[in-house]
Amino acid sequence: MNYSKFYLYWFRRLSRTIGLTKILYPFVYGKRYESKVEPKLNSSVKIGDIAWDIGANMGLYTKILSTLVGEKGFVRAFEPHPKTFSKLKENIKNTNIEIHNIGFSAKVEKVKFSDSNNHELNSIMDNSYTGKFLEVNITTIDKVIIEKNWRIPNVIKIDVEGYELDIIKGMNLTLYDKNLRFLLIEIHHNIMDKRKINNGAQQIEKTLEKANFNISWIDPSHLVAIRK
């Protein structure tokens, strides 16, 4: 099912408003929220791949990717929040992983990052945010690859709390490179709505399709793009 379709977009918004989402949750996600994500990675990531984990947080999927690419592969994990990055650094011991205290977006800038004790909830905030925050420098994927002379990844996993469209906009050159064959993106519909990005999922789809990817959804919150 294509969860960016116009009627599903508005049904999703209505469901959140009237509380129907909680009732439907087990029917669309299964036993747990990301129950379908790991099987999809297992079937798509290959031994020897270069994989990027953008929004690595504490490193759950970083470790999964490390196992899947094997000793011949390599994983780069990116986490912009300095405190979360320190925890990530403690958790990661695999020799085929390199971690980076780098955040990505559509342009190079300094942003306000929430500083909650719950590391999983921290994200970029707009200027209206009045809670505890840090200022963090962010850049684009294209710029980092060029500056550091890194190889284009084969696999990218993105989980950035509503800034997934921004990241896609900052990787125009990377998207069109044939070495990149697979993306798995967590789509935060509600956060993008709050940011006044109407149906951001559809904008992401169109950008990826233009770059010659086939799009599918493994559940309402996870989009998969595979090179044609």
N, C-alpha and C. Protein backbone atom coordinates (compact mmCIF):
# COMPACT_ATOMS: atom_id res chain seq x y z
N MET A 1 0.84 -1.20 0.00
CA MET A 1 0.00 0.00 0.00
C MET A 1 0.88 1.25 0.00
N ASN A 2 0.47 2.26 -0.75
CA ASN A 2 1.23 3.51 -0.82
C ASN A 2 0.64 4.51 0.19
N TYR A 3 1.38 4.72 1.29
CA TYR A 3 0.86 5.53 2.37
C TYR A 3 1.02 7.03 2.15
N SER A 4 1.50 7.42 0.97
CA SER A 4 1.56 8.85 0.65
C SER A 4 0.36 9.30 -0.19
N LYS A 5 -0.50 8.35 -0.56
CA LYS A 5 -1.68 8.69 -1.36
C LYS A 5 -2.53 9.73 -0.63
N PHE A 6 -3.15 10.59 -1.41
CA PHE A 6 -3.90 11.73 -0.86
C PHE A 6 -4.94 11.29 0.17
N TYR A 7 -5.74 10.26 -0.16
CA TYR A 7 -6.81 9.85 0.74
C TYR A 7 -6.27 9.23 2.02
N LEU A 8 -5.12 8.52 1.92
CA LEU A 8 -4.52 7.92 3.11
C LEU A 8 -3.86 8.98 3.98
N TYR A 9 -3.32 10.01 3.32
CA TYR A 9 -2.71 11.12 4.05
C TYR A 9 -3.76 11.77 4.96
N TRP A 10 -4.94 12.05 4.43
CA TRP A 10 -5.97 12.69 5.22
C TRP A 10 -6.62 11.73 6.20
N PHE A 11 -6.72 10.47 5.85
CA PHE A 11 -7.24 9.47 6.79
C PHE A 11 -6.31 9.35 8.00
N ARG A 12 -5.02 9.39 7.75
CA ARG A 12 -4.04 9.31 8.83
C ARG A 12 -4.17 10.50 9.78
N ARG A 13 -4.34 11.68 9.20
CA ARG A 13 -4.50 12.88 10.02
C ARG A 13 -5.79 12.81 10.86
N LEU A 14 -6.85 12.34 10.24
CA LEU A 14 -8.12 12.20 10.95
C LEU A 14 -8.01 11.16 12.06
N SER A 15 -7.33 10.05 11.76
CA SER A 15 -7.17 8.97 12.75
C SER A 15 -6.44 9.46 13.99
N ARG A 16 -5.41 10.29 13.79
CA ARG A 16 -4.68 10.84 14.93
C ARG A 16 -5.60 11.74 15.75
N THR A 17 -6.43 12.51 15.09
CA THR A 17 -7.30 13.48 15.76
C THR A 17 -8.35 12.80 16.63
N ILE A 18 -8.94 11.72 16.13
CA ILE A 18 -10.04 11.07 16.85
C ILE A 18 -9.58 9.87 17.69
N GLY A 19 -8.26 9.61 17.68
CA GLY A 19 -7.73 8.53 18.51
C GLY A 19 -7.84 7.15 17.92
N LEU A 20 -8.10 7.06 16.63
CA LEU A 20 -8.26 5.76 15.97
C LEU A 20 -6.91 5.07 15.73
N THR A 21 -5.83 5.85 15.69
CA THR A 21 -4.50 5.30 15.39
C THR A 21 -4.11 4.21 16.37
N LYS A 22 -4.38 4.41 17.66
CA LYS A 22 -4.00 3.42 18.68
C LYS A 22 -4.74 2.10 18.47
N ILE A 23 -5.98 2.19 18.01
CA ILE A 23 -6.77 0.97 17.78
C ILE A 23 -6.23 0.20 16.58
N LEU A 24 -5.83 0.92 15.53
CA LEU A 24 -5.36 0.30 14.30
C LEU A 24 -3.91 -0.18 14.40
N TYR A 25 -3.18 0.33 15.39
CA TYR A 25 -1.73 0.07 15.51
C TYR A 25 -1.34 -1.40 15.33
N PRO A 26 -1.90 -2.34 16.09
CA PRO A 26 -1.45 -3.74 15.95
C PRO A 26 -1.75 -4.36 14.59
N PHE A 27 -2.72 -3.81 13.89
CA PHE A 27 -3.10 -4.36 12.58
C PHE A 27 -2.14 -3.92 11.48
N VAL A 28 -1.53 -2.74 11.64
CA VAL A 28 -0.65 -2.23 10.58
C VAL A 28 0.84 -2.42 10.90
N TYR A 29 1.18 -2.49 12.20
CA TYR A 29 2.59 -2.61 12.57
C TYR A 29 2.99 -4.00 13.07
N GLY A 30 2.00 -4.80 13.45
CA GLY A 30 2.33 -6.10 14.00
C GLY A 30 2.58 -6.01 15.50
N LYS A 31 3.43 -6.88 16.01
CA LYS A 31 3.67 -6.97 17.45
C LYS A 31 4.39 -5.75 18.01
N ARG A 32 5.24 -5.13 17.19
CA ARG A 32 5.94 -3.92 17.66
C ARG A 32 6.14 -2.98 16.48
N TYR A 33 6.47 -1.73 16.81
CA TYR A 33 6.49 -0.66 15.82
C TYR A 33 7.38 -0.97 14.61
N GLU A 34 8.59 -1.48 14.84
CA GLU A 34 9.54 -1.69 13.74
C GLU A 34 9.75 -3.17 13.44
N SER A 35 8.71 -3.97 13.65
CA SER A 35 8.85 -5.42 13.48
C SER A 35 9.18 -5.84 12.06
N LYS A 36 8.83 -5.00 11.07
CA LYS A 36 9.07 -5.36 9.68
C LYS A 36 10.36 -4.76 9.11
N VAL A 37 11.04 -3.94 9.91
CA VAL A 37 12.23 -3.24 9.42
C VAL A 37 13.43 -4.17 9.30
N GLU A 38 13.74 -4.88 10.36
CA GLU A 38 14.93 -5.75 10.34
C GLU A 38 14.84 -6.82 9.26
N PRO A 39 13.68 -7.51 9.07
CA PRO A 39 13.59 -8.48 7.97
C PRO A 39 13.86 -7.85 6.62
N LYS A 40 13.43 -6.62 6.40
CA LYS A 40 13.68 -5.95 5.13
C LYS A 40 15.16 -5.67 4.95
N LEU A 41 15.83 -5.26 6.00
CA LEU A 41 17.28 -5.05 5.93
C LEU A 41 17.99 -6.38 5.66
N ASN A 42 17.54 -7.43 6.32
CA ASN A 42 18.16 -8.75 6.14
C ASN A 42 18.13 -9.21 4.69
N SER A 43 17.05 -8.87 4.00
CA SER A 43 16.89 -9.33 2.62
C SER A 43 17.50 -8.37 1.59
N SER A 44 17.92 -7.19 2.03
CA SER A 44 18.37 -6.17 1.08
C SER A 44 19.84 -5.80 1.19
N VAL A 45 20.41 -5.91 2.38
CA VAL A 45 21.81 -5.54 2.58
C VAL A 45 22.70 -6.74 2.27
N LYS A 46 23.80 -6.49 1.57
CA LYS A 46 24.67 -7.57 1.12
C LYS A 46 26.03 -7.54 1.83
N ILE A 47 26.65 -8.71 1.89
CA ILE A 47 28.02 -8.79 2.38
C ILE A 47 28.90 -7.88 1.51
N GLY A 48 29.72 -7.07 2.17
CA GLY A 48 30.63 -6.19 1.45
C GLY A 48 30.07 -4.80 1.17
N ASP A 49 28.79 -4.56 1.51
CA ASP A 49 28.20 -3.24 1.29
C ASP A 49 28.82 -2.16 2.17
N ILE A 50 28.76 -0.93 1.68
CA ILE A 50 29.00 0.24 2.52
C ILE A 50 27.63 0.76 2.92
N ALA A 51 27.36 0.79 4.23
CA ALA A 51 26.06 1.19 4.73
C ALA A 51 26.19 2.41 5.64
N TRP A 52 25.23 3.32 5.52
CA TRP A 52 25.17 4.49 6.39
C TRP A 52 23.93 4.41 7.27
N ASP A 53 24.11 4.69 8.56
CA ASP A 53 23.00 4.78 9.50
C ASP A 53 22.88 6.24 9.93
N ILE A 54 21.93 6.96 9.34
CA ILE A 54 21.76 8.39 9.61
C ILE A 54 20.67 8.56 10.66
N GLY A 55 21.07 9.12 11.80
CA GLY A 55 20.19 9.15 12.97
C GLY A 55 20.36 7.86 13.74
N ALA A 56 21.62 7.54 14.04
CA ALA A 56 21.94 6.24 14.62
C ALA A 56 21.45 6.09 16.05
N ASN A 57 21.29 7.21 16.77
CA ASN A 57 20.86 7.18 18.16
C ASN A 57 21.80 6.31 18.99
N MET A 58 21.30 5.25 19.59
CA MET A 58 22.13 4.40 20.46
C MET A 58 22.80 3.25 19.70
N GLY A 59 22.52 3.11 18.41
CA GLY A 59 23.26 2.16 17.61
C GLY A 59 22.60 0.82 17.35
N LEU A 60 21.30 0.69 17.60
CA LEU A 60 20.62 -0.58 17.37
C LEU A 60 20.79 -1.05 15.93
N TYR A 61 20.41 -0.20 14.98
CA TYR A 61 20.49 -0.60 13.58
C TYR A 61 21.92 -0.52 13.04
N THR A 62 22.75 0.28 13.69
CA THR A 62 24.17 0.30 13.32
C THR A 62 24.78 -1.08 13.49
N LYS A 63 24.46 -1.72 14.60
CA LYS A 63 24.99 -3.06 14.88
C LYS A 63 24.40 -4.09 13.92
N ILE A 64 23.12 -3.95 13.61
CA ILE A 64 22.48 -4.87 12.67
C ILE A 64 23.14 -4.75 11.30
N LEU A 65 23.35 -3.52 10.85
CA LEU A 65 24.01 -3.29 9.56
C LEU A 65 25.43 -3.84 9.57
N SER A 66 26.12 -3.68 10.69
CA SER A 66 27.49 -4.19 10.81
C SER A 66 27.55 -5.69 10.57
N THR A 67 26.59 -6.41 11.14
CA THR A 67 26.52 -7.87 10.96
C THR A 67 26.20 -8.23 9.51
N LEU A 68 25.28 -7.48 8.92
CA LEU A 68 24.83 -7.80 7.56
C LEU A 68 25.91 -7.54 6.51
N VAL A 69 26.70 -6.48 6.67
CA VAL A 69 27.73 -6.19 5.66
C VAL A 69 28.97 -7.05 5.86
N GLY A 70 29.13 -7.59 7.07
CA GLY A 70 30.25 -8.49 7.33
C GLY A 70 31.60 -7.80 7.39
N GLU A 71 32.63 -8.60 7.52
CA GLU A 71 34.00 -8.07 7.64
C GLU A 71 34.46 -7.37 6.37
N LYS A 72 33.89 -7.74 5.24
CA LYS A 72 34.28 -7.10 3.98
C LYS A 72 33.54 -5.78 3.75
N GLY A 73 32.51 -5.53 4.56
CA GLY A 73 31.73 -4.31 4.42
C GLY A 73 32.13 -3.27 5.45
N PHE A 74 31.39 -2.15 5.44
CA PHE A 74 31.74 -1.05 6.33
C PHE A 74 30.48 -0.23 6.63
N VAL A 75 30.37 0.23 7.87
CA VAL A 75 29.21 1.03 8.29
C VAL A 75 29.68 2.37 8.84
N ARG A 76 29.04 3.43 8.38
CA ARG A 76 29.23 4.76 8.97
C ARG A 76 27.94 5.11 9.71
N ALA A 77 28.06 5.45 10.99
CA ALA A 77 26.90 5.82 11.80
C ALA A 77 27.00 7.30 12.15
N PHE A 78 25.90 8.02 11.97
CA PHE A 78 25.88 9.46 12.17
C PHE A 78 24.87 9.83 13.25
N GLU A 79 25.34 10.58 14.24
CA GLU A 79 24.47 11.06 15.31
C GLU A 79 24.91 12.48 15.70
N PRO A 80 24.06 13.49 15.46
CA PRO A 80 24.46 14.89 15.67
C PRO A 80 24.45 15.37 17.12
N HIS A 81 23.58 14.79 17.95
CA HIS A 81 23.47 15.27 19.33
C HIS A 81 24.69 14.81 20.13
N PRO A 82 25.47 15.72 20.71
CA PRO A 82 26.74 15.33 21.35
C PRO A 82 26.58 14.35 22.50
N LYS A 83 25.51 14.47 23.29
CA LYS A 83 25.32 13.55 24.41
C LYS A 83 24.93 12.16 23.92
N THR A 84 24.04 12.12 22.94
CA THR A 84 23.65 10.83 22.36
C THR A 84 24.83 10.20 21.65
N PHE A 85 25.63 11.03 21.00
CA PHE A 85 26.83 10.53 20.32
C PHE A 85 27.77 9.85 21.32
N SER A 86 27.92 10.43 22.51
CA SER A 86 28.79 9.83 23.53
C SER A 86 28.29 8.45 23.93
N LYS A 87 26.96 8.32 24.06
CA LYS A 87 26.37 7.01 24.39
C LYS A 87 26.58 6.02 23.24
N LEU A 88 26.41 6.52 22.01
CA LEU A 88 26.64 5.68 20.83
C LEU A 88 28.07 5.17 20.82
N LYS A 89 28.99 6.06 21.13
CA LYS A 89 30.41 5.70 21.14
C LYS A 89 30.70 4.59 22.15
N GLU A 90 30.02 4.63 23.28
CA GLU A 90 30.18 3.60 24.31
C GLU A 90 29.62 2.26 23.84
N ASN A 91 28.56 2.32 23.05
CA ASN A 91 27.87 1.09 22.63
C ASN A 91 28.54 0.37 21.47
N ILE A 92 29.28 1.12 20.66
CA ILE A 92 29.82 0.54 19.43
C ILE A 92 31.27 0.09 19.60
N LYS A 93 31.48 -1.19 19.42
CA LYS A 93 32.82 -1.76 19.52
C LYS A 93 33.23 -2.50 18.24
N ASN A 94 32.30 -2.63 17.31
CA ASN A 94 32.56 -3.39 16.08
C ASN A 94 33.67 -2.73 15.26
N THR A 95 34.55 -3.52 14.72
CA THR A 95 35.70 -2.98 13.98
C THR A 95 35.33 -2.48 12.60
N ASN A 96 34.19 -2.89 12.07
CA ASN A 96 33.80 -2.43 10.73
C ASN A 96 32.81 -1.26 10.78
N ILE A 97 32.82 -0.53 11.91
CA ILE A 97 31.95 0.65 12.08
C ILE A 97 32.79 1.87 12.42
N GLU A 98 32.44 2.98 11.79
CA GLU A 98 33.02 4.27 12.15
C GLU A 98 31.87 5.22 12.48
N ILE A 99 31.95 5.88 13.63
CA ILE A 99 30.86 6.76 14.03
C ILE A 99 31.27 8.22 13.89
N HIS A 100 30.27 9.06 13.58
CA HIS A 100 30.55 10.46 13.29
C HIS A 100 29.53 11.36 13.99
N ASN A 101 30.04 12.37 14.67
CA ASN A 101 29.18 13.36 15.34
C ASN A 101 28.78 14.43 14.31
N ILE A 102 27.97 13.99 13.32
CA ILE A 102 27.58 14.84 12.20
C ILE A 102 26.07 14.74 12.00
N GLY A 103 25.44 15.88 11.74
CA GLY A 103 24.02 15.90 11.40
C GLY A 103 23.84 16.40 9.98
N PHE A 104 22.79 15.94 9.32
CA PHE A 104 22.55 16.30 7.92
C PHE A 104 21.22 17.03 7.75
N SER A 105 21.17 17.87 6.72
CA SER A 105 19.94 18.55 6.35
C SER A 105 20.05 18.97 4.89
N ALA A 106 19.25 19.98 4.51
CA ALA A 106 19.25 20.44 3.12
C ALA A 106 20.34 21.46 2.84
N LYS A 107 20.93 22.03 3.90
CA LYS A 107 21.97 23.04 3.73
C LYS A 107 22.87 23.07 4.95
N VAL A 108 23.98 23.78 4.83
CA VAL A 108 24.91 23.95 5.94
C VAL A 108 24.39 25.07 6.84
N GLU A 109 24.17 24.76 8.10
CA GLU A 109 23.66 25.77 9.03
C GLU A 109 23.85 25.33 10.47
N LYS A 110 23.55 26.22 11.40
CA LYS A 110 23.54 25.91 12.82
C LYS A 110 22.08 25.85 13.26
N VAL A 111 21.70 24.78 13.95
CA VAL A 111 20.30 24.58 14.32
C VAL A 111 20.16 24.38 15.83
N LYS A 112 18.93 24.54 16.27
CA LYS A 112 18.57 24.33 17.67
C LYS A 112 18.15 22.86 17.82
N PHE A 113 18.83 22.15 18.72
CA PHE A 113 18.56 20.73 18.93
C PHE A 113 18.04 20.53 20.35
N SER A 114 16.88 19.90 20.51
CA SER A 114 16.34 19.65 21.84
C SER A 114 17.31 18.81 22.66
N ASP A 115 17.27 18.99 23.98
CA ASP A 115 18.23 18.31 24.85
C ASP A 115 17.50 17.58 25.98
N SER A 116 16.56 16.72 25.58
CA SER A 116 15.81 15.92 26.54
C SER A 116 16.67 14.80 27.10
N ASN A 117 16.35 14.37 28.31
CA ASN A 117 17.07 13.24 28.90
C ASN A 117 16.77 11.94 28.16
N ASN A 118 15.63 11.91 27.45
CA ASN A 118 15.28 10.76 26.61
C ASN A 118 15.94 10.96 25.25
N HIS A 119 17.06 10.30 25.03
CA HIS A 119 17.86 10.52 23.83
C HIS A 119 17.10 10.20 22.55
N GLU A 120 16.14 9.29 22.63
CA GLU A 120 15.40 8.88 21.43
C GLU A 120 14.49 9.98 20.91
N LEU A 121 14.18 10.97 21.73
CA LEU A 121 13.23 12.01 21.35
C LEU A 121 13.89 13.30 20.89
N ASN A 122 15.19 13.43 21.04
CA ASN A 122 15.86 14.68 20.66
C ASN A 122 15.88 14.85 19.15
N SER A 123 15.63 16.08 18.71
CA SER A 123 15.60 16.38 17.28
C SER A 123 15.78 17.86 17.06
N ILE A 124 15.91 18.26 15.80
CA ILE A 124 16.00 19.67 15.44
C ILE A 124 14.67 20.35 15.76
N MET A 125 14.75 21.56 16.34
CA MET A 125 13.55 22.31 16.70
C MET A 125 13.57 23.67 15.99
N ASP A 126 12.39 24.25 15.81
CA ASP A 126 12.35 25.58 15.20
C ASP A 126 12.57 26.65 16.26
N ASN A 127 12.60 27.90 15.85
CA ASN A 127 12.93 29.00 16.76
C ASN A 127 11.89 29.24 17.84
N SER A 128 10.70 28.67 17.67
CA SER A 128 9.65 28.85 18.68
C SER A 128 9.86 27.94 19.90
N TYR A 129 10.76 26.97 19.79
CA TYR A 129 11.00 26.02 20.88
C TYR A 129 11.64 26.72 22.07
N THR A 130 11.08 26.52 23.26
CA THR A 130 11.57 27.22 24.46
C THR A 130 12.14 26.26 25.51
N GLY A 131 12.19 24.98 25.19
CA GLY A 131 12.73 24.01 26.13
C GLY A 131 14.25 24.01 26.14
N LYS A 132 14.82 23.07 26.84
CA LYS A 132 16.27 22.93 26.92
C LYS A 132 16.81 22.52 25.55
N PHE A 133 17.87 23.19 25.09
CA PHE A 133 18.38 22.87 23.77
C PHE A 133 19.89 23.09 23.67
N LEU A 134 20.47 22.57 22.60
CA LEU A 134 21.86 22.78 22.22
C LEU A 134 21.90 23.34 20.81
N GLU A 135 22.95 24.05 20.47
CA GLU A 135 23.15 24.47 19.08
C GLU A 135 24.11 23.50 18.41
N VAL A 136 23.70 22.99 17.26
CA VAL A 136 24.47 21.95 16.56
C VAL A 136 24.67 22.36 15.11
N ASN A 137 25.89 22.19 14.62
CA ASN A 137 26.17 22.46 13.21
C ASN A 137 25.77 21.25 12.37
N ILE A 138 25.05 21.50 11.27
CA ILE A 138 24.68 20.43 10.37
C ILE A 138 25.12 20.77 8.94
N THR A 139 25.17 19.76 8.10
CA THR A 139 25.66 19.94 6.74
C THR A 139 24.84 19.06 5.79
N THR A 140 25.30 18.89 4.57
CA THR A 140 24.59 18.03 3.61
C THR A 140 25.41 16.78 3.33
N ILE A 141 24.73 15.74 2.91
CA ILE A 141 25.41 14.50 2.56
C ILE A 141 26.37 14.72 1.40
N ASP A 142 25.91 15.43 0.38
CA ASP A 142 26.76 15.68 -0.79
C ASP A 142 28.06 16.39 -0.40
N LYS A 143 27.95 17.38 0.46
CA LYS A 143 29.12 18.17 0.85
C LYS A 143 30.13 17.32 1.62
N VAL A 144 29.65 16.51 2.54
CA VAL A 144 30.53 15.67 3.35
C VAL A 144 31.26 14.64 2.47
N ILE A 145 30.54 14.02 1.55
CA ILE A 145 31.16 13.02 0.68
C ILE A 145 32.27 13.65 -0.17
N ILE A 146 32.00 14.84 -0.68
CA ILE A 146 33.01 15.53 -1.50
C ILE A 146 34.21 15.95 -0.66
N GLU A 147 33.95 16.57 0.48
CA GLU A 147 35.04 17.09 1.33
C GLU A 147 35.91 15.98 1.90
N LYS A 148 35.30 14.88 2.29
CA LYS A 148 36.05 13.79 2.92
C LYS A 148 36.50 12.73 1.92
N ASN A 149 36.08 12.90 0.67
CA ASN A 149 36.44 11.95 -0.38
C ASN A 149 36.01 10.53 -0.01
N TRP A 150 34.80 10.42 0.52
CA TRP A 150 34.25 9.12 0.88
C TRP A 150 33.59 8.47 -0.33
N ARG A 151 33.57 7.14 -0.32
CA ARG A 151 32.84 6.40 -1.34
C ARG A 151 31.34 6.53 -1.10
N ILE A 152 30.58 6.56 -2.19
CA ILE A 152 29.13 6.60 -2.09
C ILE A 152 28.64 5.32 -1.42
N PRO A 153 27.76 5.42 -0.42
CA PRO A 153 27.25 4.20 0.21
C PRO A 153 26.33 3.42 -0.72
N ASN A 154 26.25 2.13 -0.47
CA ASN A 154 25.30 1.27 -1.20
C ASN A 154 23.93 1.28 -0.53
N VAL A 155 23.95 1.49 0.78
CA VAL A 155 22.74 1.40 1.60
C VAL A 155 22.69 2.59 2.54
N ILE A 156 21.51 3.21 2.66
CA ILE A 156 21.33 4.29 3.63
C ILE A 156 20.03 4.06 4.41
N LYS A 157 20.15 4.08 5.71
CA LYS A 157 18.98 4.05 6.59
C LYS A 157 18.86 5.43 7.23
N ILE A 158 17.66 6.01 7.20
CA ILE A 158 17.44 7.37 7.71
C ILE A 158 16.32 7.38 8.74
N ASP A 159 16.63 7.91 9.93
CA ASP A 159 15.62 8.11 10.97
C ASP A 159 15.95 9.41 11.68
N VAL A 160 15.30 10.49 11.26
CA VAL A 160 15.71 11.82 11.73
C VAL A 160 14.55 12.68 12.23
N GLU A 161 13.50 12.04 12.73
CA GLU A 161 12.43 12.75 13.44
C GLU A 161 11.85 13.92 12.67
N GLY A 162 11.38 13.68 11.46
CA GLY A 162 10.67 14.70 10.71
C GLY A 162 11.51 15.55 9.78
N TYR A 163 12.82 15.27 9.71
CA TYR A 163 13.70 16.03 8.82
C TYR A 163 14.20 15.18 7.65
N GLU A 164 13.47 14.10 7.37
CA GLU A 164 13.88 13.20 6.29
C GLU A 164 13.83 13.88 4.92
N LEU A 165 12.84 14.72 4.67
CA LEU A 165 12.78 15.42 3.39
C LEU A 165 13.95 16.38 3.24
N ASP A 166 14.33 17.04 4.33
CA ASP A 166 15.47 17.97 4.29
C ASP A 166 16.75 17.24 3.90
N ILE A 167 16.94 16.06 4.47
CA ILE A 167 18.15 15.28 4.16
C ILE A 167 18.16 14.86 2.70
N ILE A 168 17.02 14.42 2.20
CA ILE A 168 16.92 14.02 0.79
C ILE A 168 17.27 15.19 -0.13
N LYS A 169 16.84 16.39 0.24
CA LYS A 169 17.14 17.57 -0.57
C LYS A 169 18.63 17.90 -0.57
N GLY A 170 19.35 17.44 0.45
CA GLY A 170 20.79 17.71 0.54
C GLY A 170 21.66 16.61 -0.02
N MET A 171 21.07 15.68 -0.77
CA MET A 171 21.86 14.58 -1.34
C MET A 171 21.53 14.36 -2.81
N ASN A 172 21.34 15.44 -3.52
CA ASN A 172 20.96 15.34 -4.93
C ASN A 172 21.99 14.58 -5.75
N LEU A 173 23.27 14.89 -5.57
CA LEU A 173 24.32 14.19 -6.32
C LEU A 173 24.41 12.72 -5.91
N THR A 174 24.33 12.48 -4.63
CA THR A 174 24.43 11.12 -4.10
C THR A 174 23.28 10.24 -4.60
N LEU A 175 22.08 10.80 -4.64
CA LEU A 175 20.91 10.03 -5.07
C LEU A 175 21.07 9.48 -6.48
N TYR A 176 21.73 10.22 -7.34
CA TYR A 176 21.83 9.82 -8.74
C TYR A 176 23.04 8.91 -9.01
N ASP A 177 23.84 8.66 -7.99
CA ASP A 177 24.98 7.75 -8.16
C ASP A 177 24.51 6.31 -8.12
N LYS A 178 24.88 5.52 -9.11
CA LYS A 178 24.38 4.14 -9.23
C LYS A 178 24.88 3.22 -8.12
N ASN A 179 25.91 3.63 -7.39
CA ASN A 179 26.38 2.80 -6.28
C ASN A 179 25.37 2.76 -5.14
N LEU A 180 24.57 3.81 -5.02
CA LEU A 180 23.51 3.82 -4.01
C LEU A 180 22.30 3.07 -4.57
N ARG A 181 22.00 1.94 -3.99
CA ARG A 181 20.92 1.11 -4.55
C ARG A 181 19.74 0.92 -3.61
N PHE A 182 19.90 1.27 -2.31
CA PHE A 182 18.83 0.96 -1.35
C PHE A 182 18.77 2.02 -0.25
N LEU A 183 17.56 2.54 0.00
CA LEU A 183 17.33 3.43 1.13
C LEU A 183 16.13 2.93 1.94
N LEU A 184 16.25 2.99 3.24
CA LEU A 184 15.14 2.73 4.13
C LEU A 184 14.95 3.97 4.98
N ILE A 185 13.77 4.60 4.87
CA ILE A 185 13.54 5.90 5.52
C ILE A 185 12.34 5.80 6.44
N GLU A 186 12.53 6.17 7.71
CA GLU A 186 11.40 6.28 8.62
C GLU A 186 10.72 7.62 8.35
N ILE A 187 9.44 7.57 8.05
CA ILE A 187 8.69 8.77 7.71
C ILE A 187 7.87 9.22 8.93
N HIS A 188 8.18 10.42 9.42
CA HIS A 188 7.47 10.97 10.58
C HIS A 188 6.39 11.94 10.06
N HIS A 189 5.27 11.37 9.65
CA HIS A 189 4.20 12.16 9.04
C HIS A 189 3.75 13.31 9.94
N ASN A 190 3.51 13.00 11.20
CA ASN A 190 2.95 13.99 12.12
C ASN A 190 3.90 15.17 12.33
N ILE A 191 5.19 14.88 12.48
CA ILE A 191 6.16 15.96 12.70
C ILE A 191 6.27 16.83 11.46
N MET A 192 6.27 16.22 10.27
CA MET A 192 6.32 17.02 9.05
C MET A 192 5.07 17.88 8.90
N ASP A 193 3.92 17.33 9.30
CA ASP A 193 2.70 18.13 9.27
C ASP A 193 2.84 19.35 10.17
N LYS A 194 3.37 19.15 11.37
CA LYS A 194 3.55 20.25 12.31
C LYS A 194 4.54 21.29 11.77
N ARG A 195 5.46 20.84 10.94
CA ARG A 195 6.43 21.76 10.32
C ARG A 195 5.86 22.42 9.05
N LYS A 196 4.57 22.21 8.81
CA LYS A 196 3.88 22.78 7.64
C LYS A 196 4.38 22.19 6.32
N ILE A 197 4.86 20.94 6.38
CA ILE A 197 5.24 20.21 5.17
C ILE A 197 4.08 19.27 4.85
N ASN A 198 3.18 19.70 4.02
CA ASN A 198 2.00 18.91 3.72
C ASN A 198 2.35 17.70 2.87
N ASN A 199 2.03 16.52 3.39
CA ASN A 199 2.34 15.25 2.72
C ASN A 199 3.79 15.19 2.26
N GLY A 200 4.69 15.36 3.23
CA GLY A 200 6.12 15.29 2.94
C GLY A 200 6.53 13.95 2.36
N ALA A 201 5.79 12.89 2.72
CA ALA A 201 6.09 11.56 2.19
C ALA A 201 5.98 11.54 0.68
N GLN A 202 4.98 12.21 0.15
CA GLN A 202 4.81 12.24 -1.30
C GLN A 202 5.94 13.01 -1.97
N GLN A 203 6.41 14.08 -1.34
CA GLN A 203 7.54 14.83 -1.87
C GLN A 203 8.81 13.98 -1.89
N ILE A 204 8.99 13.19 -0.84
CA ILE A 204 10.14 12.29 -0.79
C ILE A 204 10.04 11.25 -1.90
N GLU A 205 8.87 10.66 -2.05
CA GLU A 205 8.65 9.66 -3.10
C GLU A 205 9.01 10.21 -4.48
N LYS A 206 8.49 11.39 -4.79
CA LYS A 206 8.71 11.98 -6.12
C LYS A 206 10.19 12.24 -6.37
N THR A 207 10.90 12.69 -5.35
CA THR A 207 12.33 12.95 -5.49
C THR A 207 13.09 11.66 -5.75
N LEU A 208 12.75 10.61 -5.04
CA LEU A 208 13.43 9.33 -5.21
C LEU A 208 13.08 8.67 -6.54
N GLU A 209 11.83 8.79 -6.95
CA GLU A 209 11.43 8.22 -8.25
C GLU A 209 12.15 8.93 -9.39
N LYS A 210 12.33 10.23 -9.27
CA LYS A 210 13.05 10.99 -10.29
C LYS A 210 14.50 10.54 -10.40
N ALA A 211 15.05 10.07 -9.26
CA ALA A 211 16.43 9.58 -9.23
C ALA A 211 16.53 8.11 -9.61
N ASN A 212 15.43 7.55 -10.14
CA ASN A 212 15.40 6.19 -10.68
C ASN A 212 15.32 5.10 -9.61
N PHE A 213 14.50 5.35 -8.58
CA PHE A 213 14.24 4.34 -7.56
C PHE A 213 12.79 3.87 -7.64
N ASN A 214 12.57 2.60 -7.37
CA ASN A 214 11.23 2.07 -7.15
C ASN A 214 10.90 2.23 -5.67
N ILE A 215 9.67 2.66 -5.38
CA ILE A 215 9.27 2.94 -4.01
C ILE A 215 8.25 1.92 -3.52
N SER A 216 8.41 1.48 -2.28
CA SER A 216 7.41 0.64 -1.63
C SER A 216 7.39 0.99 -0.14
N TRP A 217 6.33 0.53 0.52
CA TRP A 217 6.18 0.78 1.96
C TRP A 217 6.08 -0.56 2.68
N ILE A 218 6.83 -0.71 3.77
CA ILE A 218 6.72 -1.94 4.55
C ILE A 218 5.72 -1.78 5.69
N ASP A 219 5.40 -0.55 6.04
CA ASP A 219 4.32 -0.22 6.96
C ASP A 219 4.07 1.28 6.81
N PRO A 220 3.10 1.87 7.51
CA PRO A 220 2.79 3.29 7.28
C PRO A 220 3.91 4.27 7.61
N SER A 221 4.95 3.80 8.30
CA SER A 221 6.02 4.71 8.73
C SER A 221 7.38 4.43 8.11
N HIS A 222 7.46 3.43 7.24
CA HIS A 222 8.77 3.06 6.69
C HIS A 222 8.70 2.87 5.18
N LEU A 223 9.40 3.75 4.50
CA LEU A 223 9.47 3.73 3.03
C LEU A 223 10.78 3.09 2.59
N VAL A 224 10.70 2.30 1.54
CA VAL A 224 11.88 1.64 0.97
C VAL A 224 12.05 2.10 -0.48
N ALA A 225 13.27 2.45 -0.83
CA ALA A 225 13.60 2.83 -2.20
C ALA A 225 14.69 1.92 -2.73
N ILE A 226 14.43 1.27 -3.87
CA ILE A 226 15.38 0.34 -4.47
C ILE A 226 15.69 0.79 -5.89
N ARG A 227 16.97 0.88 -6.20
CA ARG A 227 17.40 1.32 -7.53
C ARG A 227 16.82 0.42 -8.62
N LYS A 228 16.28 1.04 -9.66
CA LYS A 228 15.72 0.27 -10.79
C LYS A 228 16.82 -0.42 -11.57
